[in-house]
N, C-alpha and C. Protein backbone atom coordinates (compact mmCIF):
# COMPACT_ATOMS: atom_id res chain seq x y z
N MET A 1 -3.76 -32.74 -1.20
CA MET A 1 -2.34 -32.81 -1.52
C MET A 1 -1.91 -31.66 -2.42
N SER A 2 -2.81 -31.18 -3.28
CA SER A 2 -2.43 -30.11 -4.20
C SER A 2 -2.17 -28.80 -3.46
N VAL A 3 -2.76 -28.61 -2.28
CA VAL A 3 -2.50 -27.41 -1.49
C VAL A 3 -1.05 -27.41 -1.03
N TRP A 4 -0.56 -28.55 -0.60
CA TRP A 4 0.83 -28.64 -0.15
C TRP A 4 1.80 -28.42 -1.30
N ILE A 5 1.45 -28.89 -2.46
CA ILE A 5 2.30 -28.65 -3.63
C ILE A 5 2.37 -27.15 -3.92
N ALA A 6 1.24 -26.48 -3.82
CA ALA A 6 1.22 -25.04 -4.04
C ALA A 6 2.03 -24.29 -2.98
N ILE A 7 1.94 -24.73 -1.73
CA ILE A 7 2.70 -24.10 -0.65
C ILE A 7 4.19 -24.30 -0.87
N ILE A 8 4.60 -25.49 -1.21
CA ILE A 8 6.01 -25.78 -1.44
C ILE A 8 6.52 -25.01 -2.66
N ALA A 9 5.73 -24.97 -3.72
CA ALA A 9 6.13 -24.23 -4.92
C ALA A 9 6.28 -22.74 -4.62
N THR A 10 5.38 -22.20 -3.82
CA THR A 10 5.47 -20.79 -3.45
C THR A 10 6.70 -20.53 -2.60
N ALA A 11 6.99 -21.41 -1.66
CA ALA A 11 8.17 -21.24 -0.80
C ALA A 11 9.45 -21.30 -1.63
N VAL A 12 9.52 -22.25 -2.57
CA VAL A 12 10.69 -22.36 -3.43
C VAL A 12 10.81 -21.11 -4.32
N GLY A 13 9.69 -20.65 -4.85
CA GLY A 13 9.70 -19.44 -5.67
C GLY A 13 10.17 -18.23 -4.90
N CYS A 14 9.71 -18.07 -3.67
CA CYS A 14 10.15 -16.94 -2.83
C CYS A 14 11.64 -17.03 -2.55
N TYR A 15 12.12 -18.22 -2.26
CA TYR A 15 13.55 -18.40 -2.00
C TYR A 15 14.36 -18.04 -3.25
N LEU A 16 13.90 -18.46 -4.42
CA LEU A 16 14.63 -18.17 -5.65
C LEU A 16 14.64 -16.67 -5.96
N VAL A 17 13.55 -15.99 -5.71
CA VAL A 17 13.51 -14.54 -5.93
C VAL A 17 14.48 -13.84 -4.99
N LYS A 18 14.52 -14.27 -3.73
CA LYS A 18 15.47 -13.68 -2.78
C LYS A 18 16.91 -13.98 -3.21
N LEU A 19 17.17 -15.18 -3.68
CA LEU A 19 18.50 -15.55 -4.13
C LEU A 19 18.91 -14.71 -5.34
N LEU A 20 17.99 -14.49 -6.27
CA LEU A 20 18.29 -13.64 -7.43
C LEU A 20 18.62 -12.22 -7.00
N GLY A 21 17.93 -11.72 -5.98
CA GLY A 21 18.21 -10.38 -5.48
C GLY A 21 19.60 -10.29 -4.87
N LEU A 22 20.04 -11.35 -4.22
CA LEU A 22 21.37 -11.35 -3.62
C LEU A 22 22.47 -11.50 -4.66
N LEU A 23 22.14 -12.04 -5.82
CA LEU A 23 23.13 -12.27 -6.87
C LEU A 23 23.34 -11.07 -7.78
N VAL A 24 22.54 -10.03 -7.61
CA VAL A 24 22.69 -8.82 -8.43
C VAL A 24 24.01 -8.15 -8.06
N PRO A 25 24.84 -7.81 -9.04
CA PRO A 25 26.12 -7.17 -8.73
C PRO A 25 25.93 -5.82 -8.03
N ALA A 26 26.85 -5.49 -7.13
CA ALA A 26 26.75 -4.26 -6.35
C ALA A 26 26.80 -3.02 -7.24
N ASN A 27 27.62 -3.06 -8.31
CA ASN A 27 27.71 -1.87 -9.16
C ASN A 27 26.41 -1.59 -9.90
N ALA A 28 25.59 -2.62 -10.13
CA ALA A 28 24.29 -2.40 -10.76
C ALA A 28 23.33 -1.69 -9.80
N LEU A 29 23.49 -1.96 -8.51
CA LEU A 29 22.61 -1.34 -7.52
C LEU A 29 23.03 0.08 -7.16
N GLU A 30 24.25 0.45 -7.50
CA GLU A 30 24.76 1.78 -7.16
C GLU A 30 24.49 2.82 -8.24
N ARG A 31 23.88 2.43 -9.33
CA ARG A 31 23.54 3.39 -10.39
C ARG A 31 22.49 4.37 -9.88
N PRO A 32 22.59 5.64 -10.28
CA PRO A 32 21.63 6.64 -9.79
C PRO A 32 20.18 6.32 -10.15
N LEU A 33 19.95 5.82 -11.36
CA LEU A 33 18.58 5.50 -11.76
C LEU A 33 18.00 4.39 -10.89
N VAL A 34 18.78 3.38 -10.60
CA VAL A 34 18.31 2.27 -9.76
C VAL A 34 18.02 2.77 -8.35
N GLN A 35 18.87 3.62 -7.82
CA GLN A 35 18.64 4.15 -6.48
C GLN A 35 17.39 5.02 -6.41
N LYS A 36 17.18 5.83 -7.46
CA LYS A 36 15.99 6.68 -7.50
C LYS A 36 14.72 5.83 -7.60
N LEU A 37 14.76 4.82 -8.46
CA LEU A 37 13.59 3.95 -8.60
C LEU A 37 13.32 3.15 -7.33
N SER A 38 14.37 2.69 -6.68
CA SER A 38 14.17 1.91 -5.45
C SER A 38 13.63 2.78 -4.33
N ALA A 39 13.86 4.07 -4.38
CA ALA A 39 13.29 4.97 -3.37
C ALA A 39 11.83 5.29 -3.66
N LEU A 40 11.46 5.34 -4.94
CA LEU A 40 10.10 5.73 -5.31
C LEU A 40 9.13 4.56 -5.43
N LEU A 41 9.63 3.38 -5.69
CA LEU A 41 8.77 2.22 -5.93
C LEU A 41 7.90 1.86 -4.73
N PRO A 42 8.41 1.83 -3.50
CA PRO A 42 7.52 1.51 -2.37
C PRO A 42 6.39 2.52 -2.20
N VAL A 43 6.67 3.80 -2.46
CA VAL A 43 5.63 4.83 -2.34
C VAL A 43 4.53 4.59 -3.37
N ALA A 44 4.93 4.28 -4.59
CA ALA A 44 3.95 4.03 -5.65
C ALA A 44 3.11 2.79 -5.35
N LEU A 45 3.75 1.74 -4.86
CA LEU A 45 3.01 0.52 -4.53
C LEU A 45 2.04 0.74 -3.37
N LEU A 46 2.47 1.50 -2.37
CA LEU A 46 1.59 1.79 -1.24
C LEU A 46 0.41 2.66 -1.66
N ALA A 47 0.65 3.64 -2.54
CA ALA A 47 -0.43 4.47 -3.05
C ALA A 47 -1.43 3.66 -3.86
N ALA A 48 -0.93 2.74 -4.67
CA ALA A 48 -1.83 1.89 -5.46
C ALA A 48 -2.65 0.98 -4.56
N LEU A 49 -2.02 0.41 -3.54
CA LEU A 49 -2.74 -0.46 -2.61
C LEU A 49 -3.80 0.33 -1.85
N THR A 50 -3.45 1.54 -1.41
CA THR A 50 -4.41 2.38 -0.69
C THR A 50 -5.60 2.73 -1.58
N ALA A 51 -5.33 3.10 -2.81
CA ALA A 51 -6.42 3.45 -3.74
C ALA A 51 -7.31 2.24 -4.01
N GLN A 52 -6.70 1.09 -4.20
CA GLN A 52 -7.49 -0.12 -4.49
C GLN A 52 -8.35 -0.49 -3.30
N GLN A 53 -7.80 -0.42 -2.10
CA GLN A 53 -8.55 -0.79 -0.91
C GLN A 53 -9.61 0.25 -0.55
N THR A 54 -9.40 1.50 -0.94
CA THR A 54 -10.33 2.57 -0.58
C THR A 54 -11.49 2.67 -1.56
N PHE A 55 -11.19 2.56 -2.85
CA PHE A 55 -12.20 2.86 -3.86
C PHE A 55 -12.73 1.64 -4.61
N ALA A 56 -12.41 0.44 -4.17
CA ALA A 56 -12.89 -0.75 -4.88
C ALA A 56 -13.54 -1.72 -3.91
N THR A 57 -14.62 -2.31 -4.37
CA THR A 57 -15.26 -3.41 -3.67
C THR A 57 -15.50 -4.50 -4.70
N GLY A 58 -14.72 -5.56 -4.63
CA GLY A 58 -14.80 -6.60 -5.65
C GLY A 58 -14.32 -6.05 -6.98
N GLN A 59 -15.19 -6.06 -7.96
CA GLN A 59 -14.85 -5.58 -9.30
C GLN A 59 -15.44 -4.20 -9.60
N THR A 60 -16.04 -3.56 -8.60
CA THR A 60 -16.71 -2.28 -8.85
C THR A 60 -15.99 -1.13 -8.15
N LEU A 61 -16.14 0.05 -8.72
CA LEU A 61 -15.60 1.27 -8.14
C LEU A 61 -16.64 1.86 -7.21
N VAL A 62 -16.23 2.20 -5.98
CA VAL A 62 -17.16 2.66 -4.97
C VAL A 62 -16.63 3.93 -4.32
N LEU A 63 -17.49 4.92 -4.18
CA LEU A 63 -17.16 6.12 -3.41
C LEU A 63 -18.06 6.12 -2.18
N ASP A 64 -17.46 5.86 -1.03
CA ASP A 64 -18.24 5.82 0.21
C ASP A 64 -17.48 6.53 1.31
N ALA A 65 -17.75 6.19 2.54
CA ALA A 65 -17.14 6.86 3.69
C ALA A 65 -15.63 6.70 3.73
N ARG A 66 -15.12 5.63 3.15
CA ARG A 66 -13.66 5.42 3.14
C ARG A 66 -12.95 6.54 2.39
N GLY A 67 -13.56 7.02 1.30
CA GLY A 67 -12.97 8.12 0.54
C GLY A 67 -12.91 9.40 1.35
N ALA A 68 -13.96 9.66 2.13
CA ALA A 68 -13.98 10.85 2.98
C ALA A 68 -12.91 10.74 4.07
N GLY A 69 -12.74 9.56 4.62
CA GLY A 69 -11.70 9.35 5.63
C GLY A 69 -10.32 9.53 5.06
N LEU A 70 -10.11 9.05 3.84
CA LEU A 70 -8.81 9.22 3.18
C LEU A 70 -8.55 10.70 2.89
N ALA A 71 -9.58 11.42 2.48
CA ALA A 71 -9.43 12.86 2.23
C ALA A 71 -9.08 13.60 3.53
N ALA A 72 -9.71 13.20 4.64
CA ALA A 72 -9.40 13.83 5.93
C ALA A 72 -7.97 13.53 6.34
N ALA A 73 -7.52 12.31 6.12
CA ALA A 73 -6.13 11.95 6.45
C ALA A 73 -5.16 12.73 5.58
N ALA A 74 -5.48 12.88 4.30
CA ALA A 74 -4.60 13.64 3.40
C ALA A 74 -4.52 15.10 3.83
N LEU A 75 -5.65 15.68 4.22
CA LEU A 75 -5.65 17.06 4.70
C LEU A 75 -4.81 17.20 5.97
N ALA A 76 -4.96 16.25 6.89
CA ALA A 76 -4.16 16.29 8.12
C ALA A 76 -2.67 16.16 7.81
N LEU A 77 -2.33 15.35 6.82
CA LEU A 77 -0.92 15.22 6.43
C LEU A 77 -0.39 16.52 5.81
N VAL A 78 -1.21 17.17 5.00
CA VAL A 78 -0.80 18.44 4.40
C VAL A 78 -0.57 19.48 5.49
N LEU A 79 -1.37 19.44 6.53
CA LEU A 79 -1.22 20.37 7.65
C LEU A 79 -0.12 19.93 8.62
N ARG A 80 0.58 18.84 8.28
CA ARG A 80 1.70 18.31 9.07
C ARG A 80 1.30 17.91 10.48
N ALA A 81 0.15 17.27 10.58
CA ALA A 81 -0.31 16.78 11.88
C ALA A 81 0.48 15.52 12.26
N PRO A 82 0.59 15.22 13.55
CA PRO A 82 1.24 13.98 13.98
C PRO A 82 0.45 12.76 13.48
N PHE A 83 1.14 11.62 13.43
CA PHE A 83 0.54 10.41 12.86
C PHE A 83 -0.75 10.03 13.56
N LEU A 84 -0.78 10.06 14.88
CA LEU A 84 -2.00 9.67 15.60
C LEU A 84 -3.16 10.61 15.30
N VAL A 85 -2.87 11.87 15.07
CA VAL A 85 -3.92 12.82 14.70
C VAL A 85 -4.44 12.50 13.31
N VAL A 86 -3.55 12.13 12.40
CA VAL A 86 -3.96 11.75 11.04
C VAL A 86 -4.89 10.55 11.09
N VAL A 87 -4.49 9.54 11.83
CA VAL A 87 -5.33 8.33 11.95
C VAL A 87 -6.65 8.66 12.63
N GLY A 88 -6.58 9.45 13.70
CA GLY A 88 -7.81 9.82 14.41
C GLY A 88 -8.76 10.62 13.54
N ALA A 89 -8.23 11.53 12.74
CA ALA A 89 -9.09 12.31 11.84
C ALA A 89 -9.75 11.41 10.80
N ALA A 90 -8.98 10.48 10.26
CA ALA A 90 -9.55 9.56 9.26
C ALA A 90 -10.65 8.70 9.88
N VAL A 91 -10.40 8.21 11.08
CA VAL A 91 -11.41 7.36 11.76
C VAL A 91 -12.65 8.18 12.08
N ALA A 92 -12.46 9.38 12.61
CA ALA A 92 -13.62 10.20 13.01
C ALA A 92 -14.46 10.59 11.80
N VAL A 93 -13.82 10.99 10.72
CA VAL A 93 -14.58 11.40 9.53
C VAL A 93 -15.29 10.20 8.91
N THR A 94 -14.58 9.06 8.83
CA THR A 94 -15.22 7.87 8.27
C THR A 94 -16.43 7.46 9.11
N ALA A 95 -16.27 7.45 10.43
CA ALA A 95 -17.38 7.08 11.30
C ALA A 95 -18.53 8.09 11.21
N GLY A 96 -18.18 9.37 11.12
CA GLY A 96 -19.22 10.39 10.98
C GLY A 96 -20.02 10.26 9.69
N VAL A 97 -19.34 10.01 8.60
CA VAL A 97 -20.04 9.85 7.32
C VAL A 97 -20.90 8.59 7.34
N ARG A 98 -20.38 7.52 7.94
CA ARG A 98 -21.19 6.30 8.03
C ARG A 98 -22.39 6.50 8.94
N ALA A 99 -22.23 7.27 10.02
CA ALA A 99 -23.36 7.52 10.93
C ALA A 99 -24.43 8.37 10.25
N LEU A 100 -24.01 9.25 9.34
CA LEU A 100 -24.97 10.08 8.61
C LEU A 100 -25.60 9.34 7.44
N GLY A 101 -25.22 8.09 7.25
CA GLY A 101 -25.87 7.28 6.23
C GLY A 101 -25.08 7.17 4.94
N GLY A 102 -23.80 7.50 4.95
CA GLY A 102 -23.00 7.45 3.72
C GLY A 102 -22.28 6.18 3.49
């Protein structure tokens, strides 16, 4: 029964957060600082998630084939490669490093 209470509490909490977002006055959202932060925040969150998923295993910091794949993807992005080439480079480098024992 406690699982259902947690699910219901989470659903109510999500609804309330969405409602609070809708209640923010429009003039507060039109400020330049708010617009700049709202443009940069998703990029920062995605970078943090990528770093956490790439360099962490549980509670430890790990440098393995995933880091090499991320570096290959970053290089492909700097060279302005198409998205599929970026993903393919990351996959190929990660697989190659793992095949070599990394």
